Amino acid sequence: MAKKIDPEIRDKIVEKIKNDGLSAAKAAQEFGISANTIYNWLGRGKIGSDTLEIGKLKRENQQLKLIIAELMLDSSKGKKNR
């Protein structure tokens, strides 16, 4: 029999996926539940593929910002050493 997951935790997971761009696989790993369970929740909430795509783009955008920041720091260090 499947374990019952607290609705507050379910809502927190869905919120992280929708707003923070957390992937269902990462959320499943983080919270110790099945990715299929999360996909079922997302399907019931009628979260479209657009919402999931936005989350993915948010993650990618954050990664790109970090890369740019690192490159800018490296560049400024290079100029100081001249």
N, C-alpha and C. Protein backbone atom coordinates (compact mmCIF):
# COMPACT_ATOMS: atom_id res chain seq x y z
N MET A 1 0.84 -1.19 0.00
CA MET A 1 0.00 0.00 0.00
C MET A 1 0.88 1.25 0.00
N ALA A 2 0.49 2.21 -0.78
CA ALA A 2 1.27 3.44 -0.90
C ALA A 2 1.14 4.27 0.36
N LYS A 3 2.24 4.95 0.71
CA LYS A 3 2.18 5.80 1.89
C LYS A 3 1.47 7.11 1.57
N LYS A 4 0.75 7.62 2.54
CA LYS A 4 0.01 8.87 2.37
C LYS A 4 0.96 10.03 2.61
N ILE A 5 0.96 10.97 1.69
CA ILE A 5 1.83 12.14 1.79
C ILE A 5 0.99 13.34 2.20
N ASP A 6 1.48 14.04 3.20
CA ASP A 6 0.78 15.20 3.74
C ASP A 6 0.49 16.21 2.62
N PRO A 7 -0.75 16.69 2.54
CA PRO A 7 -1.10 17.66 1.49
C PRO A 7 -0.23 18.92 1.50
N GLU A 8 0.24 19.32 2.69
CA GLU A 8 1.10 20.51 2.77
C GLU A 8 2.43 20.25 2.06
N ILE A 9 2.96 19.04 2.23
CA ILE A 9 4.21 18.69 1.56
C ILE A 9 3.98 18.59 0.06
N ARG A 10 2.86 17.99 -0.33
CA ARG A 10 2.52 17.89 -1.75
C ARG A 10 2.46 19.28 -2.37
N ASP A 11 1.77 20.20 -1.69
CA ASP A 11 1.64 21.56 -2.21
C ASP A 11 2.99 22.25 -2.30
N LYS A 12 3.85 21.99 -1.31
CA LYS A 12 5.18 22.59 -1.31
C LYS A 12 6.00 22.10 -2.51
N ILE A 13 5.90 20.80 -2.78
CA ILE A 13 6.64 20.22 -3.90
C ILE A 13 6.14 20.79 -5.23
N VAL A 14 4.82 20.83 -5.39
CA VAL A 14 4.25 21.36 -6.64
C VAL A 14 4.62 22.83 -6.80
N GLU A 15 4.60 23.57 -5.71
CA GLU A 15 4.96 25.00 -5.75
C GLU A 15 6.42 25.17 -6.19
N LYS A 16 7.32 24.34 -5.65
CA LYS A 16 8.74 24.43 -6.03
C LYS A 16 8.93 24.12 -7.51
N ILE A 17 8.16 23.15 -8.01
CA ILE A 17 8.28 22.80 -9.43
C ILE A 17 7.76 23.93 -10.29
N LYS A 18 6.62 24.49 -9.91
CA LYS A 18 6.01 25.55 -10.71
C LYS A 18 6.79 26.85 -10.67
N ASN A 19 7.22 27.25 -9.48
CA ASN A 19 7.80 28.58 -9.33
C ASN A 19 9.32 28.63 -9.31
N ASP A 20 9.93 27.59 -8.77
CA ASP A 20 11.39 27.60 -8.63
C ASP A 20 12.10 26.83 -9.72
N GLY A 21 11.33 26.14 -10.55
CA GLY A 21 11.93 25.40 -11.64
C GLY A 21 12.56 24.08 -11.23
N LEU A 22 12.23 23.58 -10.05
CA LEU A 22 12.73 22.29 -9.61
C LEU A 22 12.15 21.21 -10.50
N SER A 23 12.98 20.28 -10.95
CA SER A 23 12.48 19.20 -11.80
C SER A 23 11.76 18.17 -10.93
N ALA A 24 10.85 17.45 -11.56
CA ALA A 24 10.11 16.41 -10.83
C ALA A 24 11.07 15.35 -10.32
N ALA A 25 12.07 15.00 -11.10
CA ALA A 25 13.04 13.99 -10.69
C ALA A 25 13.83 14.45 -9.46
N LYS A 26 14.27 15.70 -9.47
CA LYS A 26 15.02 16.24 -8.32
C LYS A 26 14.12 16.32 -7.09
N ALA A 27 12.88 16.74 -7.28
CA ALA A 27 11.94 16.82 -6.17
C ALA A 27 11.69 15.44 -5.58
N ALA A 28 11.55 14.44 -6.44
CA ALA A 28 11.32 13.07 -5.98
C ALA A 28 12.51 12.60 -5.14
N GLN A 29 13.69 12.89 -5.60
CA GLN A 29 14.90 12.50 -4.88
C GLN A 29 14.99 13.25 -3.55
N GLU A 30 14.74 14.54 -3.58
CA GLU A 30 14.85 15.39 -2.40
C GLU A 30 13.86 14.97 -1.31
N PHE A 31 12.63 14.63 -1.72
CA PHE A 31 11.59 14.33 -0.75
C PHE A 31 11.36 12.83 -0.55
N GLY A 32 12.12 12.01 -1.27
CA GLY A 32 12.03 10.56 -1.08
C GLY A 32 10.72 9.94 -1.53
N ILE A 33 10.18 10.44 -2.63
CA ILE A 33 8.95 9.88 -3.18
C ILE A 33 9.15 9.58 -4.66
N SER A 34 8.21 8.90 -5.24
CA SER A 34 8.30 8.51 -6.64
C SER A 34 8.06 9.70 -7.57
N ALA A 35 8.84 9.77 -8.63
CA ALA A 35 8.63 10.81 -9.64
C ALA A 35 7.26 10.65 -10.28
N ASN A 36 6.81 9.41 -10.44
CA ASN A 36 5.48 9.17 -11.02
C ASN A 36 4.38 9.78 -10.15
N THR A 37 4.55 9.71 -8.85
CA THR A 37 3.58 10.33 -7.94
C THR A 37 3.51 11.83 -8.20
N ILE A 38 4.66 12.45 -8.35
CA ILE A 38 4.70 13.90 -8.60
C ILE A 38 4.05 14.22 -9.94
N TYR A 39 4.34 13.42 -10.96
CA TYR A 39 3.72 13.66 -12.26
C TYR A 39 2.20 13.51 -12.18
N ASN A 40 1.73 12.58 -11.35
CA ASN A 40 0.29 12.45 -11.16
C ASN A 40 -0.30 13.71 -10.53
N TRP A 41 0.39 14.24 -9.52
CA TRP A 41 -0.08 15.48 -8.89
C TRP A 41 -0.13 16.61 -9.91
N LEU A 42 0.91 16.70 -10.70
CA LEU A 42 0.97 17.77 -11.70
C LEU A 42 -0.16 17.61 -12.71
N GLY A 43 -0.46 16.39 -13.09
CA GLY A 43 -1.55 16.14 -14.04
C GLY A 43 -2.90 16.50 -13.46
N ARG A 44 -3.10 16.18 -12.18
CA ARG A 44 -4.38 16.51 -11.53
C ARG A 44 -4.57 18.02 -11.40
N GLY A 45 -3.46 18.72 -11.18
CA GLY A 45 -3.54 20.16 -11.03
C GLY A 45 -3.63 20.87 -12.36
N LYS A 46 -3.64 20.09 -13.43
CA LYS A 46 -3.71 20.64 -14.79
C LYS A 46 -2.59 21.62 -15.06
N ILE A 47 -1.41 21.29 -14.54
CA ILE A 47 -0.24 22.09 -14.85
C ILE A 47 0.21 21.68 -16.23
N GLY A 48 0.16 22.60 -17.14
CA GLY A 48 0.49 22.29 -18.52
C GLY A 48 1.98 22.20 -18.76
N SER A 49 2.31 21.76 -19.94
CA SER A 49 3.72 21.64 -20.30
C SER A 49 4.37 23.02 -20.34
N ASP A 50 3.57 24.06 -20.57
CA ASP A 50 4.13 25.42 -20.57
C ASP A 50 4.70 25.77 -19.20
N THR A 51 4.00 25.40 -18.15
CA THR A 51 4.46 25.69 -16.80
C THR A 51 5.75 24.94 -16.51
N LEU A 52 5.81 23.68 -16.91
CA LEU A 52 7.03 22.92 -16.70
C LEU A 52 8.18 23.48 -17.53
N GLU A 53 7.88 23.93 -18.74
CA GLU A 53 8.90 24.53 -19.59
C GLU A 53 9.42 25.83 -18.97
N ILE A 54 8.54 26.60 -18.38
CA ILE A 54 8.96 27.84 -17.72
C ILE A 54 9.90 27.52 -16.57
N GLY A 55 9.57 26.49 -15.81
CA GLY A 55 10.45 26.07 -14.72
C GLY A 55 11.82 25.67 -15.23
N LYS A 56 11.84 24.93 -16.31
CA LYS A 56 13.11 24.51 -16.91
C LYS A 56 13.90 25.73 -17.36
N LEU A 57 13.24 26.68 -17.98
CA LEU A 57 13.92 27.89 -18.45
C LEU A 57 14.45 28.72 -17.28
N LYS A 58 13.71 28.74 -16.17
CA LYS A 58 14.19 29.45 -14.99
C LYS A 58 15.49 28.84 -14.47
N ARG A 59 15.53 27.50 -14.42
CA ARG A 59 16.76 26.81 -13.98
C ARG A 59 17.92 27.14 -14.90
N GLU A 60 17.67 27.06 -16.21
CA GLU A 60 18.73 27.34 -17.18
C GLU A 60 19.20 28.79 -17.07
N ASN A 61 18.27 29.70 -16.88
CA ASN A 61 18.60 31.11 -16.75
C ASN A 61 19.50 31.34 -15.52
N GLN A 62 19.17 30.69 -14.42
CA GLN A 62 19.97 30.83 -13.21
C GLN A 62 21.38 30.29 -13.44
N GLN A 63 21.48 29.16 -14.13
CA GLN A 63 22.80 28.59 -14.42
C GLN A 63 23.61 29.54 -15.30
N LEU A 64 22.97 30.13 -16.29
CA LEU A 64 23.67 31.07 -17.17
C LEU A 64 24.12 32.32 -16.42
N LYS A 65 23.30 32.79 -15.50
CA LYS A 65 23.70 33.95 -14.68
C LYS A 65 24.95 33.64 -13.87
N LEU A 66 25.01 32.42 -13.32
CA LEU A 66 26.20 32.03 -12.56
C LEU A 66 27.43 31.96 -13.44
N ILE A 67 27.27 31.44 -14.63
CA ILE A 67 28.39 31.36 -15.57
C ILE A 67 28.88 32.76 -15.93
N ILE A 68 27.95 33.66 -16.21
CA ILE A 68 28.33 35.04 -16.56
C ILE A 68 29.04 35.71 -15.40
N ALA A 69 28.55 35.51 -14.19
CA ALA A 69 29.19 36.12 -13.02
C ALA A 69 30.61 35.60 -12.85
N GLU A 70 30.80 34.29 -13.03
CA GLU A 70 32.15 33.73 -12.93
C GLU A 70 33.07 34.29 -14.00
N LEU A 71 32.56 34.43 -15.21
CA LEU A 71 33.38 34.97 -16.29
C LEU A 71 33.74 36.44 -16.03
N MET A 72 32.79 37.18 -15.48
CA MET A 72 33.07 38.58 -15.18
C MET A 72 34.13 38.70 -14.08
N LEU A 73 34.05 37.82 -13.08
CA LEU A 73 35.06 37.84 -12.02
C LEU A 73 36.43 37.47 -12.57
N ASP A 74 36.48 36.46 -13.40
CA ASP A 74 37.75 36.06 -14.00
C ASP A 74 38.32 37.19 -14.85
N SER A 75 37.45 37.85 -15.58
CA SER A 75 37.89 38.95 -16.44
C SER A 75 38.44 40.11 -15.62
N SER A 76 37.75 40.45 -14.54
CA SER A 76 38.22 41.57 -13.71
C SER A 76 39.51 41.22 -13.00
N LYS A 77 39.69 39.98 -12.61
CA LYS A 77 40.95 39.55 -11.99
C LYS A 77 42.10 39.67 -12.99
N GLY A 78 41.83 39.35 -14.23
CA GLY A 78 42.85 39.45 -15.27
C GLY A 78 43.29 40.87 -15.51
N LYS A 79 42.35 41.81 -15.44
CA LYS A 79 42.68 43.21 -15.66
C LYS A 79 43.49 43.78 -14.51
N LYS A 80 43.22 43.31 -13.28
CA LYS A 80 43.96 43.80 -12.11
C LYS A 80 45.40 43.32 -12.11
N ASN A 81 45.64 42.17 -12.70
CA ASN A 81 46.99 41.60 -12.71
C ASN A 81 47.89 42.21 -13.78
N ARG A 82 47.38 43.06 -14.61
CA ARG A 82 48.18 43.64 -15.70
C ARG A 82 49.06 44.75 -15.22
